[in-house]
Amino acid sequence: MSKSQQLREEGNRHFQKGDYVRAEALYSQALIVDPSNPLLYTNRAMSRLRLSLWDSAITDCEACLRLSPDNLKAHYYLSQAHLALHAYSDALEHATRAHRLCVAAEDKSLSNVTAQILRCKKEKWDHEEKRRRRETAELEKEWDDKIKKMREVFEKARVNREKRREVPEWAVDDITFGFMVDPVITKTGKSYERAAILEHLRRSQTDPLTRAPLKPSDLRPNLDLKQACDEFLKENGWAADW
């Protein structure tokens, strides 16, 4: 019996006892002696699966398949390792290939391989369903937020519409009682709409408030008041019909 065969059989005994660490070490020693034996790679891959060494198990299976492309166990173990890493498509692909090889060889492990295919499909579906639900929840939240913001905008607009519409006294001309567009100020400090005070002065060149003499040349633009009126009218267009 060759040295690699002795190490393999000893590894098998430890594996059967559940000592996967020792079994994995013995298979590794056997591979040093005989690195071209595909069985040793699947033996070690099986130990590494039991130890949850998924990436290492994949490496062993791929090494086996380079030596023996149609190795049933390598595809079966690859499927298990990929499934543990949530690589669902790869897991299903190798399970399907293992199943095809099983059928062709009439291998007794067909039921186990079939169960692995179902497991891959179920976990793949579960993963995709969780993603669909998450995306749906995110989409619903996004639209809920948009609807909430829209309602807030409408509510704010409604409140603004329902506010009592009052024009401030400083913006109202005391002659026409209309909203001032071009206010001018008299010598006494009183402001009027330019058109209104000029119309008054055409009839009587007196101050409407004090009755003191007043001429058009005595009027001065009230720029600060004009700016205030412009800003108010910009935010409250309804005031133009005051």
Protein backbone atom coordinates (compact mmCIF):
# COMPACT_ATOMS: atom_id res chain seq x y z
CA MET A 1 0.00 0.00 0.00
CA SER A 2 1.36 3.40 -0.96
CA LYS A 3 2.12 6.09 1.59
CA SER A 4 -0.67 8.32 0.26
CA GLN A 5 -3.15 5.44 0.47
CA GLN A 6 -2.15 4.74 4.08
CA LEU A 7 -2.64 8.40 4.99
CA ARG A 8 -6.00 8.47 3.18
CA GLU A 9 -7.32 5.41 5.02
CA GLU A 10 -6.16 6.81 8.34
CA GLY A 11 -7.90 10.06 7.45
CA ASN A 12 -11.07 8.12 6.65
CA ARG A 13 -10.99 6.48 10.08
CA HIS A 14 -10.69 9.84 11.84
CA PHE A 15 -13.46 11.26 9.65
CA GLN A 16 -15.80 8.41 10.61
CA LYS A 17 -15.07 9.18 14.28
CA GLY A 18 -16.03 12.81 13.72
CA ASP A 19 -12.47 14.08 14.13
CA TYR A 20 -12.58 16.29 11.06
CA VAL A 21 -9.57 18.39 12.00
CA ARG A 22 -7.29 15.34 12.16
CA ALA A 23 -8.86 13.87 9.03
CA GLU A 24 -8.27 17.11 7.11
CA ALA A 25 -4.63 17.14 8.23
CA LEU A 26 -4.07 13.54 7.11
CA TYR A 27 -5.65 14.18 3.70
CA SER A 28 -3.36 17.19 3.34
CA GLN A 29 -0.33 14.98 4.08
CA ALA A 30 -1.54 12.46 1.50
CA LEU A 31 -1.84 15.23 -1.10
CA ILE A 32 1.76 16.25 -0.50
CA VAL A 33 2.74 12.70 -1.41
CA ASP A 34 0.28 12.34 -4.31
CA PRO A 35 -1.00 15.76 -5.53
CA SER A 36 -2.51 14.30 -8.70
CA ASN A 37 -5.05 12.05 -6.95
CA PRO A 38 -8.56 13.57 -7.37
CA LEU A 39 -10.00 11.38 -4.58
CA LEU A 40 -7.76 13.04 -2.02
CA TYR A 41 -9.13 16.46 -2.96
CA THR A 42 -12.74 15.37 -2.51
CA ASN A 43 -11.83 13.66 0.79
CA ARG A 44 -10.29 16.84 2.11
CA ALA A 45 -13.12 18.94 0.70
CA MET A 46 -15.62 16.80 2.62
CA SER A 47 -13.66 17.36 5.86
CA ARG A 48 -13.49 21.07 5.19
CA LEU A 49 -17.24 21.20 4.62
CA ARG A 50 -17.76 19.69 8.06
CA LEU A 51 -15.41 22.33 9.48
CA SER A 52 -17.30 25.11 7.64
CA LEU A 53 -14.17 25.98 5.66
CA TRP A 54 -16.22 26.85 2.61
CA ASP A 55 -13.61 28.63 0.50
CA SER A 56 -11.03 25.92 1.13
CA ALA A 57 -13.56 23.24 0.20
CA ILE A 58 -14.27 25.08 -3.06
CA THR A 59 -10.55 25.23 -3.82
CA ASP A 60 -10.23 21.46 -3.32
CA CYS A 61 -13.24 20.69 -5.50
CA GLU A 62 -11.97 22.89 -8.29
CA ALA A 63 -8.57 21.19 -8.09
CA CYS A 64 -10.31 17.82 -8.34
CA LEU A 65 -12.31 18.91 -11.39
CA ARG A 66 -9.17 20.02 -13.17
CA LEU A 67 -7.97 16.44 -12.81
CA SER A 68 -11.36 14.77 -13.25
CA PRO A 69 -13.95 17.10 -14.89
CA ASP A 70 -16.89 14.73 -14.37
CA ASN A 71 -16.24 13.94 -10.72
CA LEU A 72 -19.69 13.64 -9.16
CA LYS A 73 -18.57 14.26 -5.56
CA ALA A 74 -16.64 17.38 -6.51
CA HIS A 75 -19.74 18.94 -8.08
CA TYR A 76 -21.90 17.85 -5.14
CA TYR A 77 -19.51 19.29 -2.55
CA LEU A 78 -19.06 22.44 -4.61
CA SER A 79 -22.81 22.93 -4.54
CA GLN A 80 -22.87 22.64 -0.75
CA ALA A 81 -19.99 25.09 -0.27
CA HIS A 82 -21.45 27.66 -2.67
CA LEU A 83 -24.84 27.38 -0.99
CA ALA A 84 -23.27 28.04 2.41
CA LEU A 85 -21.73 31.20 0.92
CA HIS A 86 -25.13 32.22 -0.54
CA ALA A 87 -23.85 31.83 -4.10
CA TYR A 88 -27.20 30.35 -5.10
CA SER A 89 -26.75 30.23 -8.87
CA ASP A 90 -23.36 28.49 -8.61
CA ALA A 91 -24.75 26.08 -6.02
CA LEU A 92 -27.67 25.15 -8.27
CA GLU A 93 -25.43 24.80 -11.32
CA HIS A 94 -23.13 22.27 -9.64
CA ALA A 95 -26.02 20.40 -8.01
CA THR A 96 -27.61 20.05 -11.44
CA ARG A 97 -24.38 18.76 -12.95
CA ALA A 98 -23.98 16.29 -10.08
CA HIS A 99 -27.56 15.12 -10.68
CA ARG A 100 -26.87 14.59 -14.39
CA LEU A 101 -23.76 12.53 -13.57
CA CYS A 102 -25.73 10.56 -10.97
CA VAL A 103 -28.41 9.63 -13.46
CA ALA A 104 -25.85 8.62 -16.07
CA ALA A 105 -23.94 6.45 -13.61
CA GLU A 106 -27.07 5.15 -11.86
CA ASP A 107 -25.38 6.19 -8.63
CA LYS A 108 -27.10 5.41 -5.33
CA SER A 109 -26.60 9.00 -4.09
CA LEU A 110 -29.24 10.29 -6.53
CA SER A 111 -31.77 10.99 -3.76
CA ASN A 112 -29.24 13.11 -1.83
CA VAL A 113 -28.30 15.06 -4.94
CA THR A 114 -31.97 15.59 -5.79
CA ALA A 115 -32.55 16.92 -2.28
CA GLN A 116 -29.60 19.28 -2.76
CA ILE A 117 -31.16 20.66 -5.96
CA LEU A 118 -34.40 21.34 -4.10
CA ARG A 119 -32.48 22.96 -1.24
CA CYS A 120 -30.65 25.24 -3.68
CA LYS A 121 -33.86 26.27 -5.42
CA LYS A 122 -35.66 26.87 -2.12
CA GLU A 123 -32.88 29.00 -0.62
CA LYS A 124 -32.46 30.90 -3.89
CA TRP A 125 -36.19 31.62 -3.95
CA ASP A 126 -36.16 32.65 -0.26
CA HIS A 127 -33.27 35.03 -0.91
CA GLU A 128 -34.97 36.59 -3.93
CA GLU A 129 -38.28 36.84 -2.08
CA LYS A 130 -36.60 38.69 0.81
CA ARG A 131 -35.01 41.05 -1.71
CA ARG A 132 -38.36 41.61 -3.44
CA ARG A 133 -40.04 42.33 -0.12
CA ARG A 134 -37.26 44.68 0.90
CA GLU A 135 -37.44 46.54 -2.42
CA THR A 136 -41.23 46.69 -2.16
CA ALA A 137 -41.00 48.04 1.38
CA GLU A 138 -38.44 50.64 0.30
CA LEU A 139 -40.62 51.64 -2.64
CA GLU A 140 -43.69 51.89 -0.40
CA LYS A 141 -41.76 54.01 2.09
CA GLU A 142 -40.52 56.27 -0.69
CA TRP A 143 -44.07 56.83 -1.95
CA ASP A 144 -45.42 57.21 1.59
CA ASP A 145 -42.83 59.94 2.17
CA LYS A 146 -43.78 61.64 -1.10
CA ILE A 147 -47.48 61.46 -0.25
CA LYS A 148 -46.77 62.83 3.23
CA LYS A 149 -44.80 65.74 1.79
CA MET A 150 -47.54 66.40 -0.76
CA ARG A 151 -50.16 66.45 1.98
CA GLU A 152 -48.02 68.85 3.99
CA VAL A 153 -47.74 71.15 0.96
CA PHE A 154 -51.50 71.02 0.35
CA GLU A 155 -52.23 71.59 4.04
CA LYS A 156 -49.88 74.56 4.13
CA ALA A 157 -51.52 75.96 1.01
CA ARG A 158 -54.97 75.41 2.51
CA VAL A 159 -54.01 77.17 5.74
CA ASN A 160 -52.56 80.06 3.75
CA ARG A 161 -55.76 80.30 1.68
CA GLU A 162 -57.91 80.30 4.77
CA LYS A 163 -55.92 82.95 6.57
CA ARG A 164 -57.89 86.12 7.16
CA ARG A 165 -56.97 88.36 4.26
CA GLU A 166 -56.13 91.76 5.62
CA VAL A 167 -54.07 94.50 4.06
CA PRO A 168 -51.87 96.34 6.57
CA GLU A 169 -52.90 99.93 7.18
CA TRP A 170 -49.52 101.27 6.07
CA ALA A 171 -50.17 99.91 2.55
CA VAL A 172 -53.61 101.52 2.15
CA ASP A 173 -54.04 104.93 0.53
CA ASP A 174 -56.22 107.19 2.72
CA ILE A 175 -57.81 108.91 -0.28
CA THR A 176 -58.92 105.99 -2.43
CA PHE A 177 -58.55 103.28 0.24
CA GLY A 178 -56.80 101.18 -2.40
CA PHE A 179 -53.48 99.36 -2.19
CA MET A 180 -50.58 101.72 -2.85
CA VAL A 181 -48.32 101.03 -5.82
CA ASP A 182 -46.33 104.27 -6.06
CA PRO A 183 -46.51 105.99 -2.66
CA VAL A 184 -45.28 109.56 -2.21
CA ILE A 185 -44.79 111.43 1.04
CA THR A 186 -45.95 114.96 1.93
CA LYS A 187 -44.12 117.60 3.97
CA THR A 188 -46.01 116.43 7.06
CA GLY A 189 -44.76 112.86 6.64
CA LYS A 190 -48.04 111.36 5.43
CA SER A 191 -47.92 109.02 2.42
CA TYR A 192 -50.48 108.70 -0.37
CA GLU A 193 -50.74 106.89 -3.68
CA ARG A 194 -49.19 109.24 -6.26
CA ALA A 195 -52.17 109.14 -8.64
CA ALA A 196 -54.63 109.80 -5.80
CA ILE A 197 -52.82 112.77 -4.26
CA LEU A 198 -52.17 114.38 -7.65
CA GLU A 199 -55.87 114.06 -8.49
CA HIS A 200 -56.68 115.69 -5.14
CA LEU A 201 -54.21 118.53 -5.76
CA ARG A 202 -55.80 119.24 -9.14
CA ARG A 203 -58.99 120.04 -7.26
CA SER A 204 -57.44 121.68 -4.19
CA GLN A 205 -53.76 122.40 -3.55
CA THR A 206 -54.07 121.66 0.15
CA ASP A 207 -52.83 118.84 2.34
CA PRO A 208 -55.75 116.37 2.72
CA LEU A 209 -54.93 115.94 6.39
CA THR A 210 -53.87 119.41 7.64
CA ARG A 211 -55.41 121.58 4.90
CA ALA A 212 -52.09 123.44 4.70
CA PRO A 213 -50.95 124.55 1.23
CA LEU A 214 -49.48 121.68 -0.78
CA LYS A 215 -48.16 121.57 -4.35
CA PRO A 216 -47.13 118.57 -6.50
CA SER A 217 -43.52 119.74 -6.25
CA ASP A 218 -43.71 119.20 -2.49
CA LEU A 219 -44.23 115.46 -2.93
CA ARG A 220 -41.33 113.00 -2.61
CA PRO A 221 -41.25 109.27 -3.48
CA ASN A 222 -41.46 107.06 -0.39
CA LEU A 223 -39.05 104.36 -1.60
CA ASP A 224 -39.01 102.32 1.61
CA LEU A 225 -42.80 102.14 1.66
CA LYS A 226 -42.89 101.29 -2.05
CA GLN A 227 -40.50 98.36 -1.47
CA ALA A 228 -42.61 97.13 1.44
CA CYS A 229 -45.76 97.34 -0.67
CA ASP A 230 -44.09 95.49 -3.55
CA GLU A 231 -42.95 92.67 -1.27
CA PHE A 232 -46.37 92.33 0.36
CA LEU A 233 -48.10 92.25 -3.02
CA LYS A 234 -45.63 89.65 -4.30
CA GLU A 235 -46.66 87.26 -1.51
CA ASN A 236 -50.32 88.31 -1.45
CA GLY A 237 -51.47 88.95 -4.99
CA TRP A 238 -55.11 89.06 -3.87
CA ALA A 239 -54.37 92.46 -2.27
CA ALA A 240 -54.35 94.07 -5.73
CA ASP A 241 -58.16 93.90 -5.66
CA TRP A 242 -58.39 95.48 -2.21
